[in-house]
Amino acid sequence: MSIAFGKLYIADTNNHAIRVADLKTKRVETLQIKGLEKLRTRARERQFTGEVIEAAQQTIEPGDATLKLQLELPAGYKLNSLAPTTVQIASAQKQTVSVKDSASENIRNPKFPVSIPIKAVEGETTVEARFIIYYCEAAKESLCYIKEAKVTLPVKVKKGAGARSLTASYKLNL
């Protein structure tokens, strides 16, 4: 909240809006901001500024496999079900490790742990899982946060590895 020129500005985070209460008339309106669509291209091109976690290399067998993602929130916090938590999966060498179902490359409001079917071919690559997390205090739900993080997972695919799954986890710290 902020007060300026006789108006109270209220962040309505779950509805992605700013409400403006006129303190004299007691009317409440939604702040309208125009021209934001012009900023979207620049926002996508910006450098990643979130937390980066480098996982240890994992080795798997060629063929069908699974990428298992886990998110651990701090005690007393939960995902905000009204906001769009997302996980995006990418591979530096798609011919080495690829997501079998393109819908699994960008998962909205996932239920953790998430298991994503992948296809692996002999070689080496890096798999990246980008998290955009909206979370709140579990009891009060009065204080919510946004966190961006990416887990990079070096992967080696070779015959005789034995493993058929990759595991990546992100432990969110306050």
N, C-alpha and C. Protein backbone atom coordinates (compact mmCIF):
# COMPACT_ATOMS: atom_id res chain seq x y z
N MET A 1 0.84 -1.18 0.00
CA MET A 1 0.00 0.00 0.00
C MET A 1 0.88 1.24 0.00
N SER A 2 0.33 2.28 -0.62
CA SER A 2 1.01 3.56 -0.66
C SER A 2 -0.04 4.66 -0.76
N ILE A 3 0.24 5.80 -0.16
CA ILE A 3 -0.69 6.94 -0.23
C ILE A 3 0.00 8.06 -0.97
N ALA A 4 -0.70 8.66 -1.94
CA ALA A 4 -0.19 9.82 -2.67
C ALA A 4 -1.37 10.65 -3.17
N PHE A 5 -1.31 11.95 -2.94
CA PHE A 5 -2.30 12.90 -3.45
C PHE A 5 -3.73 12.50 -3.10
N GLY A 6 -3.94 12.07 -1.86
CA GLY A 6 -5.29 11.75 -1.39
C GLY A 6 -5.84 10.42 -1.88
N LYS A 7 -4.96 9.58 -2.44
CA LYS A 7 -5.40 8.28 -2.93
C LYS A 7 -4.55 7.18 -2.30
N LEU A 8 -5.19 6.08 -2.00
CA LEU A 8 -4.53 4.92 -1.43
C LEU A 8 -4.38 3.88 -2.54
N TYR A 9 -3.13 3.47 -2.81
CA TYR A 9 -2.85 2.48 -3.85
C TYR A 9 -2.63 1.13 -3.17
N ILE A 10 -3.39 0.13 -3.61
CA ILE A 10 -3.39 -1.18 -2.96
C ILE A 10 -2.99 -2.24 -3.98
N ALA A 11 -1.96 -3.02 -3.66
CA ALA A 11 -1.53 -4.11 -4.54
C ALA A 11 -2.45 -5.31 -4.31
N ASP A 12 -3.17 -5.69 -5.34
CA ASP A 12 -4.05 -6.87 -5.30
C ASP A 12 -3.30 -7.96 -6.07
N THR A 13 -2.35 -8.61 -5.38
CA THR A 13 -1.42 -9.52 -6.06
C THR A 13 -2.10 -10.73 -6.69
N ASN A 14 -3.11 -11.28 -6.04
CA ASN A 14 -3.74 -12.48 -6.60
C ASN A 14 -4.52 -12.18 -7.88
N ASN A 15 -4.89 -10.94 -8.09
CA ASN A 15 -5.60 -10.56 -9.31
C ASN A 15 -4.72 -9.76 -10.26
N HIS A 16 -3.44 -9.65 -9.94
CA HIS A 16 -2.47 -8.93 -10.78
C HIS A 16 -2.99 -7.54 -11.12
N ALA A 17 -3.42 -6.80 -10.09
CA ALA A 17 -4.00 -5.47 -10.31
C ALA A 17 -3.60 -4.54 -9.17
N ILE A 18 -3.73 -3.26 -9.44
CA ILE A 18 -3.54 -2.24 -8.42
C ILE A 18 -4.88 -1.53 -8.27
N ARG A 19 -5.38 -1.52 -7.05
CA ARG A 19 -6.63 -0.84 -6.76
C ARG A 19 -6.30 0.55 -6.22
N VAL A 20 -7.13 1.54 -6.58
CA VAL A 20 -6.93 2.92 -6.14
C VAL A 20 -8.17 3.36 -5.39
N ALA A 21 -7.98 3.66 -4.10
CA ALA A 21 -9.10 4.12 -3.27
C ALA A 21 -8.95 5.63 -3.08
N ASP A 22 -9.96 6.37 -3.53
CA ASP A 22 -9.98 7.81 -3.34
C ASP A 22 -10.45 8.06 -1.91
N LEU A 23 -9.60 8.66 -1.09
CA LEU A 23 -9.91 8.82 0.32
C LEU A 23 -11.02 9.84 0.58
N LYS A 24 -11.26 10.76 -0.35
CA LYS A 24 -12.35 11.74 -0.19
C LYS A 24 -13.69 11.13 -0.58
N THR A 25 -13.75 10.53 -1.78
CA THR A 25 -15.03 10.01 -2.29
C THR A 25 -15.30 8.59 -1.83
N LYS A 26 -14.26 7.92 -1.32
CA LYS A 26 -14.34 6.52 -0.88
C LYS A 26 -14.68 5.55 -2.03
N ARG A 27 -14.40 5.98 -3.25
CA ARG A 27 -14.57 5.11 -4.42
C ARG A 27 -13.29 4.32 -4.66
N VAL A 28 -13.45 3.07 -5.11
CA VAL A 28 -12.31 2.22 -5.42
C VAL A 28 -12.38 1.85 -6.89
N GLU A 29 -11.26 2.04 -7.59
CA GLU A 29 -11.17 1.69 -9.00
C GLU A 29 -9.90 0.89 -9.23
N THR A 30 -9.83 0.24 -10.37
CA THR A 30 -8.62 -0.49 -10.76
C THR A 30 -7.77 0.43 -11.61
N LEU A 31 -6.48 0.53 -11.25
CA LEU A 31 -5.55 1.37 -12.01
C LEU A 31 -5.37 0.77 -13.40
N GLN A 32 -5.54 1.59 -14.42
CA GLN A 32 -5.37 1.15 -15.80
C GLN A 32 -4.02 1.65 -16.30
N ILE A 33 -3.17 0.74 -16.73
CA ILE A 33 -1.87 1.10 -17.28
C ILE A 33 -1.86 0.65 -18.73
N LYS A 34 -1.63 1.57 -19.63
CA LYS A 34 -1.67 1.26 -21.06
C LYS A 34 -0.26 1.18 -21.64
N GLY A 35 -0.12 0.39 -22.68
CA GLY A 35 1.15 0.28 -23.39
C GLY A 35 2.09 -0.78 -22.86
N LEU A 36 1.66 -1.59 -21.90
CA LEU A 36 2.54 -2.63 -21.35
C LEU A 36 2.90 -3.71 -22.37
N GLU A 37 2.04 -3.93 -23.35
CA GLU A 37 2.33 -4.96 -24.35
C GLU A 37 3.62 -4.66 -25.11
N LYS A 38 4.01 -3.39 -25.17
CA LYS A 38 5.25 -3.02 -25.85
C LYS A 38 6.47 -3.47 -25.07
N LEU A 39 6.33 -3.69 -23.77
CA LEU A 39 7.45 -4.09 -22.93
C LEU A 39 7.70 -5.59 -22.93
N ARG A 40 6.74 -6.37 -23.35
CA ARG A 40 6.86 -7.82 -23.26
C ARG A 40 8.07 -8.37 -24.02
N THR A 41 8.35 -7.86 -25.20
CA THR A 41 9.48 -8.37 -25.96
C THR A 41 10.78 -8.13 -25.21
N ARG A 42 10.94 -6.94 -24.65
CA ARG A 42 12.14 -6.64 -23.90
C ARG A 42 12.25 -7.51 -22.65
N ALA A 43 11.12 -7.76 -22.01
CA ALA A 43 11.14 -8.58 -20.79
C ALA A 43 11.63 -9.99 -21.10
N ARG A 44 11.22 -10.55 -22.23
CA ARG A 44 11.66 -11.90 -22.60
C ARG A 44 13.14 -11.94 -22.93
N GLU A 45 13.67 -10.84 -23.46
CA GLU A 45 15.06 -10.81 -23.88
C GLU A 45 16.02 -10.50 -22.73
N ARG A 46 15.49 -10.08 -21.60
CA ARG A 46 16.36 -9.69 -20.49
C ARG A 46 17.16 -10.88 -19.98
N GLN A 47 18.28 -10.56 -19.39
CA GLN A 47 19.11 -11.60 -18.80
C GLN A 47 18.42 -12.18 -17.57
N PHE A 48 18.61 -13.46 -17.34
CA PHE A 48 18.04 -14.11 -16.17
C PHE A 48 18.72 -13.56 -14.93
N THR A 49 17.93 -13.13 -13.94
CA THR A 49 18.50 -12.53 -12.73
C THR A 49 18.17 -13.31 -11.47
N GLY A 50 17.52 -14.46 -11.62
CA GLY A 50 17.15 -15.26 -10.45
C GLY A 50 18.31 -16.09 -9.93
N GLU A 51 18.01 -16.95 -8.98
CA GLU A 51 19.00 -17.82 -8.37
C GLU A 51 19.37 -18.95 -9.35
N VAL A 52 20.64 -19.28 -9.44
CA VAL A 52 21.12 -20.35 -10.32
C VAL A 52 21.72 -21.46 -9.47
N ILE A 53 21.23 -22.68 -9.68
CA ILE A 53 21.73 -23.84 -8.95
C ILE A 53 22.37 -24.79 -9.96
N GLU A 54 23.62 -25.11 -9.74
CA GLU A 54 24.35 -26.04 -10.60
C GLU A 54 24.30 -27.42 -9.97
N ALA A 55 23.60 -28.34 -10.57
CA ALA A 55 23.51 -29.70 -10.05
C ALA A 55 24.70 -30.53 -10.53
N ALA A 56 24.96 -31.61 -9.85
CA ALA A 56 26.02 -32.52 -10.26
C ALA A 56 25.60 -33.29 -11.50
N GLN A 57 26.57 -33.70 -12.32
CA GLN A 57 26.27 -34.44 -13.54
C GLN A 57 25.60 -35.77 -13.21
N GLN A 58 24.62 -36.12 -14.05
CA GLN A 58 23.95 -37.41 -13.92
C GLN A 58 24.10 -38.15 -15.25
N THR A 59 24.15 -39.47 -15.16
CA THR A 59 24.31 -40.31 -16.34
C THR A 59 23.11 -41.25 -16.44
N ILE A 60 22.55 -41.34 -17.65
CA ILE A 60 21.40 -42.22 -17.88
C ILE A 60 21.59 -43.04 -19.15
N GLU A 61 20.76 -44.07 -19.26
CA GLU A 61 20.73 -44.93 -20.44
C GLU A 61 20.06 -44.20 -21.61
N PRO A 62 20.45 -44.54 -22.84
CA PRO A 62 19.71 -44.01 -23.98
C PRO A 62 18.30 -44.61 -24.01
N GLY A 63 17.37 -43.89 -24.61
CA GLY A 63 15.99 -44.37 -24.74
C GLY A 63 15.03 -43.54 -23.91
N ASP A 64 13.90 -44.15 -23.58
CA ASP A 64 12.89 -43.46 -22.79
C ASP A 64 13.35 -43.34 -21.35
N ALA A 65 13.13 -42.16 -20.78
CA ALA A 65 13.54 -41.90 -19.40
C ALA A 65 12.58 -40.88 -18.79
N THR A 66 12.88 -40.47 -17.58
CA THR A 66 12.03 -39.52 -16.86
C THR A 66 12.89 -38.45 -16.21
N LEU A 67 12.42 -37.22 -16.26
CA LEU A 67 13.02 -36.12 -15.52
C LEU A 67 12.10 -35.84 -14.35
N LYS A 68 12.60 -36.00 -13.13
CA LYS A 68 11.80 -35.77 -11.93
C LYS A 68 12.25 -34.46 -11.29
N LEU A 69 11.29 -33.54 -11.12
CA LEU A 69 11.57 -32.24 -10.52
C LEU A 69 10.89 -32.13 -9.17
N GLN A 70 11.62 -31.62 -8.21
CA GLN A 70 11.07 -31.44 -6.87
C GLN A 70 11.30 -29.99 -6.43
N LEU A 71 10.33 -29.43 -5.74
CA LEU A 71 10.43 -28.10 -5.15
C LEU A 71 10.16 -28.23 -3.67
N GLU A 72 11.06 -27.68 -2.87
CA GLU A 72 10.88 -27.69 -1.42
C GLU A 72 10.77 -26.25 -0.93
N LEU A 73 9.59 -25.92 -0.39
CA LEU A 73 9.36 -24.58 0.16
C LEU A 73 9.80 -24.54 1.62
N PRO A 74 10.10 -23.34 2.14
CA PRO A 74 10.44 -23.23 3.56
C PRO A 74 9.26 -23.65 4.42
N ALA A 75 9.53 -24.09 5.64
CA ALA A 75 8.46 -24.46 6.57
C ALA A 75 7.54 -23.26 6.78
N GLY A 76 6.23 -23.53 6.77
CA GLY A 76 5.25 -22.47 6.99
C GLY A 76 4.83 -21.73 5.73
N TYR A 77 5.26 -22.21 4.55
CA TYR A 77 4.90 -21.57 3.29
C TYR A 77 4.26 -22.58 2.36
N LYS A 78 3.45 -22.07 1.41
CA LYS A 78 2.80 -22.93 0.42
C LYS A 78 2.73 -22.19 -0.91
N LEU A 79 2.55 -22.95 -1.99
CA LEU A 79 2.37 -22.32 -3.29
C LEU A 79 1.06 -21.54 -3.29
N ASN A 80 1.06 -20.41 -3.98
CA ASN A 80 -0.14 -19.60 -4.11
C ASN A 80 -0.95 -20.19 -5.27
N SER A 81 -2.06 -20.81 -4.96
CA SER A 81 -2.87 -21.48 -5.99
C SER A 81 -3.54 -20.49 -6.94
N LEU A 82 -3.55 -19.21 -6.60
CA LEU A 82 -4.19 -18.20 -7.45
C LEU A 82 -3.21 -17.52 -8.39
N ALA A 83 -1.94 -17.88 -8.29
CA ALA A 83 -0.92 -17.26 -9.14
C ALA A 83 -0.25 -18.35 -10.00
N PRO A 84 0.28 -17.96 -11.15
CA PRO A 84 0.77 -18.95 -12.13
C PRO A 84 2.20 -19.43 -11.92
N THR A 85 2.44 -20.28 -10.90
CA THR A 85 3.76 -20.90 -10.76
C THR A 85 4.01 -21.71 -12.03
N THR A 86 5.22 -21.60 -12.58
CA THR A 86 5.55 -22.33 -13.81
C THR A 86 6.93 -22.97 -13.71
N VAL A 87 7.09 -24.02 -14.49
CA VAL A 87 8.39 -24.67 -14.67
C VAL A 87 8.59 -24.81 -16.17
N GLN A 88 9.75 -24.35 -16.65
CA GLN A 88 10.09 -24.47 -18.06
C GLN A 88 11.32 -25.36 -18.19
N ILE A 89 11.24 -26.30 -19.13
CA ILE A 89 12.32 -27.27 -19.34
C ILE A 89 12.96 -27.00 -20.70
N ALA A 90 14.29 -26.99 -20.72
CA ALA A 90 15.01 -26.82 -21.98
C ALA A 90 16.28 -27.67 -21.92
N SER A 91 16.74 -28.10 -23.09
CA SER A 91 17.98 -28.86 -23.21
C SER A 91 18.89 -28.14 -24.19
N ALA A 92 20.17 -28.00 -23.82
CA ALA A 92 21.12 -27.33 -24.70
C ALA A 92 21.27 -28.09 -26.02
N GLN A 93 21.23 -29.41 -25.96
CA GLN A 93 21.32 -30.26 -27.16
C GLN A 93 20.05 -31.10 -27.22
N LYS A 94 19.03 -30.59 -27.92
CA LYS A 94 17.74 -31.30 -27.95
C LYS A 94 17.84 -32.68 -28.58
N GLN A 95 18.84 -32.89 -29.43
CA GLN A 95 18.97 -34.22 -30.02
C GLN A 95 19.50 -35.22 -29.00
N THR A 96 20.10 -34.75 -27.90
CA THR A 96 20.60 -35.65 -26.87
C THR A 96 19.52 -35.97 -25.83
N VAL A 97 18.89 -34.93 -25.28
CA VAL A 97 17.78 -35.10 -24.34
C VAL A 97 16.65 -34.19 -24.78
N SER A 98 15.49 -34.79 -25.01
CA SER A 98 14.32 -34.00 -25.42
C SER A 98 13.10 -34.42 -24.62
N VAL A 99 12.22 -33.46 -24.41
CA VAL A 99 10.96 -33.72 -23.73
C VAL A 99 10.05 -34.41 -24.74
N LYS A 100 9.45 -35.55 -24.35
CA LYS A 100 8.64 -36.33 -25.29
C LYS A 100 7.32 -35.65 -25.65
N ASP A 101 6.75 -34.90 -24.72
CA ASP A 101 5.48 -34.22 -24.95
C ASP A 101 5.74 -32.73 -24.85
N SER A 102 5.57 -31.99 -25.93
CA SER A 102 5.90 -30.56 -25.94
C SER A 102 5.12 -29.78 -24.87
N ALA A 103 3.96 -30.27 -24.46
CA ALA A 103 3.20 -29.60 -23.40
C ALA A 103 3.96 -29.64 -22.07
N SER A 104 4.89 -30.58 -21.93
CA SER A 104 5.66 -30.70 -20.69
C SER A 104 6.86 -29.76 -20.65
N GLU A 105 7.10 -29.00 -21.72
CA GLU A 105 8.22 -28.06 -21.73
C GLU A 105 7.91 -26.81 -20.92
N ASN A 106 6.63 -26.49 -20.77
CA ASN A 106 6.22 -25.30 -20.02
C ASN A 106 5.01 -25.71 -19.18
N ILE A 107 5.25 -26.02 -17.91
CA ILE A 107 4.20 -26.54 -17.04
C ILE A 107 3.70 -25.42 -16.14
N ARG A 108 2.40 -25.21 -16.17
CA ARG A 108 1.77 -24.16 -15.36
C ARG A 108 1.09 -24.80 -14.15
N ASN A 109 1.30 -24.21 -12.99
CA ASN A 109 0.75 -24.69 -11.72
C ASN A 109 1.00 -26.18 -11.51
N PRO A 110 2.28 -26.59 -11.52
CA PRO A 110 2.60 -28.01 -11.35
C PRO A 110 2.32 -28.50 -9.93
N LYS A 111 2.10 -29.78 -9.82
CA LYS A 111 1.98 -30.46 -8.53
C LYS A 111 3.30 -31.21 -8.32
N PHE A 112 4.07 -30.79 -7.34
CA PHE A 112 5.38 -31.38 -7.10
C PHE A 112 5.26 -32.62 -6.22
N PRO A 113 6.10 -33.63 -6.47
CA PRO A 113 7.11 -33.71 -7.54
C PRO A 113 6.46 -33.91 -8.91
N VAL A 114 7.15 -33.43 -9.94
CA VAL A 114 6.70 -33.53 -11.32
C VAL A 114 7.56 -34.56 -12.04
N SER A 115 6.94 -35.46 -12.79
CA SER A 115 7.67 -36.42 -13.62
C SER A 115 7.39 -36.12 -15.08
N ILE A 116 8.47 -35.86 -15.82
CA ILE A 116 8.36 -35.47 -17.23
C ILE A 116 9.01 -36.55 -18.08
N PRO A 117 8.26 -37.14 -19.02
CA PRO A 117 8.86 -38.14 -19.90
C PRO A 117 9.85 -37.49 -20.88
N ILE A 118 11.04 -38.08 -20.98
CA ILE A 118 12.05 -37.57 -21.89
C ILE A 118 12.58 -38.70 -22.77
N LYS A 119 13.25 -38.32 -23.84
CA LYS A 119 13.92 -39.26 -24.75
C LYS A 119 15.39 -38.90 -24.74
N ALA A 120 16.26 -39.89 -24.56
CA ALA A 120 17.69 -39.64 -24.47
C ALA A 120 18.44 -40.41 -25.55
N VAL A 121 19.42 -39.75 -26.17
CA VAL A 121 20.27 -40.33 -27.19
C VAL A 121 21.72 -40.12 -26.72
N GLU A 122 22.60 -41.07 -27.02
CA GLU A 122 23.97 -40.98 -26.54
C GLU A 122 24.59 -39.62 -26.84
N GLY A 123 25.28 -39.10 -25.83
CA GLY A 123 25.93 -37.79 -25.94
C GLY A 123 25.90 -37.07 -24.61
N GLU A 124 26.23 -35.78 -24.65
CA GLU A 124 26.22 -34.97 -23.44
C GLU A 124 25.47 -33.68 -23.70
N THR A 125 24.79 -33.17 -22.66
CA THR A 125 24.05 -31.92 -22.77
C THR A 125 23.84 -31.35 -21.37
N THR A 126 23.19 -30.24 -21.32
CA THR A 126 22.77 -29.64 -20.05
C THR A 126 21.26 -29.43 -20.13
N VAL A 127 20.55 -29.94 -19.15
CA VAL A 127 19.11 -29.73 -19.05
C VAL A 127 18.89 -28.60 -18.04
N GLU A 128 17.99 -27.70 -18.40
CA GLU A 128 17.72 -26.56 -17.54
C GLU A 128 16.25 -26.56 -17.14
N ALA A 129 15.99 -26.42 -15.85
CA ALA A 129 14.63 -26.29 -15.33
C ALA A 129 14.52 -24.90 -14.72
N ARG A 130 13.66 -24.06 -15.31
CA ARG A 130 13.44 -22.70 -14.78
C ARG A 130 12.15 -22.68 -13.98
N PHE A 131 12.26 -22.20 -12.77
CA PHE A 131 11.11 -22.11 -11.87
C PHE A 131 10.72 -20.64 -11.71
N ILE A 132 9.44 -20.34 -11.84
CA ILE A 132 8.88 -19.06 -11.43
C ILE A 132 7.84 -19.43 -10.39
N ILE A 133 8.11 -19.06 -9.14
CA ILE A 133 7.35 -19.57 -8.01
C ILE A 133 6.63 -18.43 -7.29
N TYR A 134 5.34 -18.60 -7.09
CA TYR A 134 4.53 -17.67 -6.30
C TYR A 134 4.15 -18.42 -5.03
N TYR A 135 4.58 -17.92 -3.89
CA TYR A 135 4.31 -18.63 -2.64
C TYR A 135 3.95 -17.65 -1.54
N CYS A 136 3.23 -18.15 -0.54
CA CYS A 136 2.71 -17.31 0.55
C CYS A 136 2.90 -18.01 1.89
N GLU A 137 2.75 -17.22 2.94
CA GLU A 137 2.71 -17.79 4.28
C GLU A 137 1.49 -18.70 4.33
N ALA A 138 1.66 -19.91 4.81
CA ALA A 138 0.57 -20.89 4.80
C ALA A 138 -0.57 -20.52 5.74
N ALA A 139 -0.27 -20.01 6.91
CA ALA A 139 -1.32 -19.75 7.90
C ALA A 139 -2.11 -18.48 7.58
N LYS A 140 -1.43 -17.38 7.38
CA LYS A 140 -2.13 -16.09 7.20
C LYS A 140 -2.45 -15.78 5.75
N GLU A 141 -1.63 -16.22 4.84
CA GLU A 141 -1.72 -15.89 3.41
C GLU A 141 -1.68 -14.38 3.19
N SER A 142 -1.13 -13.65 4.15
CA SER A 142 -1.11 -12.20 4.03
C SER A 142 0.15 -11.70 3.35
N LEU A 143 1.19 -12.48 3.33
CA LEU A 143 2.44 -12.06 2.74
C LEU A 143 2.85 -13.08 1.68
N CYS A 144 2.93 -12.63 0.43
CA CYS A 144 3.27 -13.53 -0.68
C CYS A 144 4.55 -13.05 -1.35
N TYR A 145 5.23 -13.98 -2.01
CA TYR A 145 6.51 -13.70 -2.65
C TYR A 145 6.54 -14.29 -4.06
N ILE A 146 7.48 -13.78 -4.85
CA ILE A 146 7.77 -14.33 -6.18
C ILE A 146 9.26 -14.67 -6.18
N LYS A 147 9.59 -15.82 -6.71
CA LYS A 147 10.99 -16.23 -6.78
C LYS A 147 11.25 -16.86 -8.14
N GLU A 148 12.39 -16.49 -8.76
CA GLU A 148 12.83 -17.12 -10.00
C GLU A 148 14.12 -17.88 -9.72
N ALA A 149 14.20 -19.06 -10.26
CA ALA A 149 15.41 -19.86 -10.08
C ALA A 149 15.55 -20.80 -11.27
N LYS A 150 16.76 -21.19 -11.54
CA LYS A 150 16.97 -22.23 -12.55
C LYS A 150 17.98 -23.23 -12.03
N VAL A 151 17.67 -24.47 -12.32
CA VAL A 151 18.56 -25.58 -11.97
C VAL A 151 19.15 -26.08 -13.28
N THR A 152 20.48 -26.06 -13.37
CA THR A 152 21.14 -26.61 -14.56
C THR A 152 21.72 -27.97 -14.20
N LEU A 153 21.42 -28.92 -15.04
CA LEU A 153 21.77 -30.31 -14.77
C LEU A 153 22.58 -30.88 -15.94
N PRO A 154 23.91 -31.03 -15.76
CA PRO A 154 24.70 -31.66 -16.81
C PRO A 154 24.31 -33.14 -16.93
N VAL A 155 24.12 -33.60 -18.17
CA VAL A 155 23.65 -34.96 -18.41
C VAL A 155 24.57 -35.66 -19.41
N LYS A 156 24.91 -36.90 -19.07
CA LYS A 156 25.66 -37.76 -19.98
C LYS A 156 24.75 -38.95 -20.27
N VAL A 157 24.57 -39.24 -21.55
CA VAL A 157 23.75 -40.39 -21.95
C VAL A 157 24.69 -41.42 -22.57
N LYS A 158 24.75 -42.60 -21.92
CA LYS A 158 25.62 -43.64 -22.46
C LYS A 158 25.10 -45.02 -22.08
N LYS A 159 25.34 -45.97 -22.98
CA LYS A 159 24.93 -47.35 -22.73
C LYS A 159 25.64 -47.89 -21.51
N GLY A 160 24.89 -48.69 -20.73
CA GLY A 160 25.46 -49.29 -19.54
C GLY A 160 25.34 -48.44 -18.29
N ALA A 161 24.74 -47.25 -18.40
CA ALA A 161 24.61 -46.37 -17.23
C ALA A 161 23.64 -46.94 -16.20
N GLY A 162 22.63 -47.68 -16.68
CA GLY A 162 21.67 -48.30 -15.77
C GLY A 162 20.50 -47.42 -15.38
N ALA A 163 20.72 -46.15 -15.16
CA ALA A 163 19.65 -45.24 -14.70
C ALA A 163 18.72 -44.85 -15.85
N ARG A 164 17.45 -44.72 -15.54
CA ARG A 164 16.45 -44.29 -16.52
C ARG A 164 15.74 -43.01 -16.08
N SER A 165 16.32 -42.34 -15.07
CA SER A 165 15.69 -41.09 -14.65
C SER A 165 16.73 -40.07 -14.21
N LEU A 166 16.40 -38.81 -14.44
CA LEU A 166 17.19 -37.68 -13.97
C LEU A 166 16.41 -37.04 -12.84
N THR A 167 17.10 -36.48 -11.88
CA THR A 167 16.43 -35.84 -10.76
C THR A 167 17.02 -34.45 -10.55
N ALA A 168 16.14 -33.47 -10.45
CA ALA A 168 16.57 -32.11 -10.13
C ALA A 168 15.64 -31.56 -9.07
N SER A 169 16.23 -30.93 -8.08
CA SER A 169 15.39 -30.36 -7.02
C SER A 169 15.85 -28.94 -6.71
N TYR A 170 14.90 -28.16 -6.24
CA TYR A 170 15.18 -26.79 -5.84
C TYR A 170 14.62 -26.57 -4.45
N LYS A 171 15.50 -26.19 -3.54
CA LYS A 171 15.09 -25.89 -2.17
C LYS A 171 15.09 -24.37 -2.04
N LEU A 172 13.90 -23.82 -1.89
CA LEU A 172 13.75 -22.37 -1.81
C LEU A 172 14.05 -21.92 -0.39
N ASN A 173 14.96 -20.99 -0.25
CA ASN A 173 15.31 -20.42 1.05
C ASN A 173 14.85 -18.98 1.11
N LEU A 174 14.45 -18.55 2.28
CA LEU A 174 14.04 -17.16 2.46
C LEU A 174 15.26 -16.26 2.58
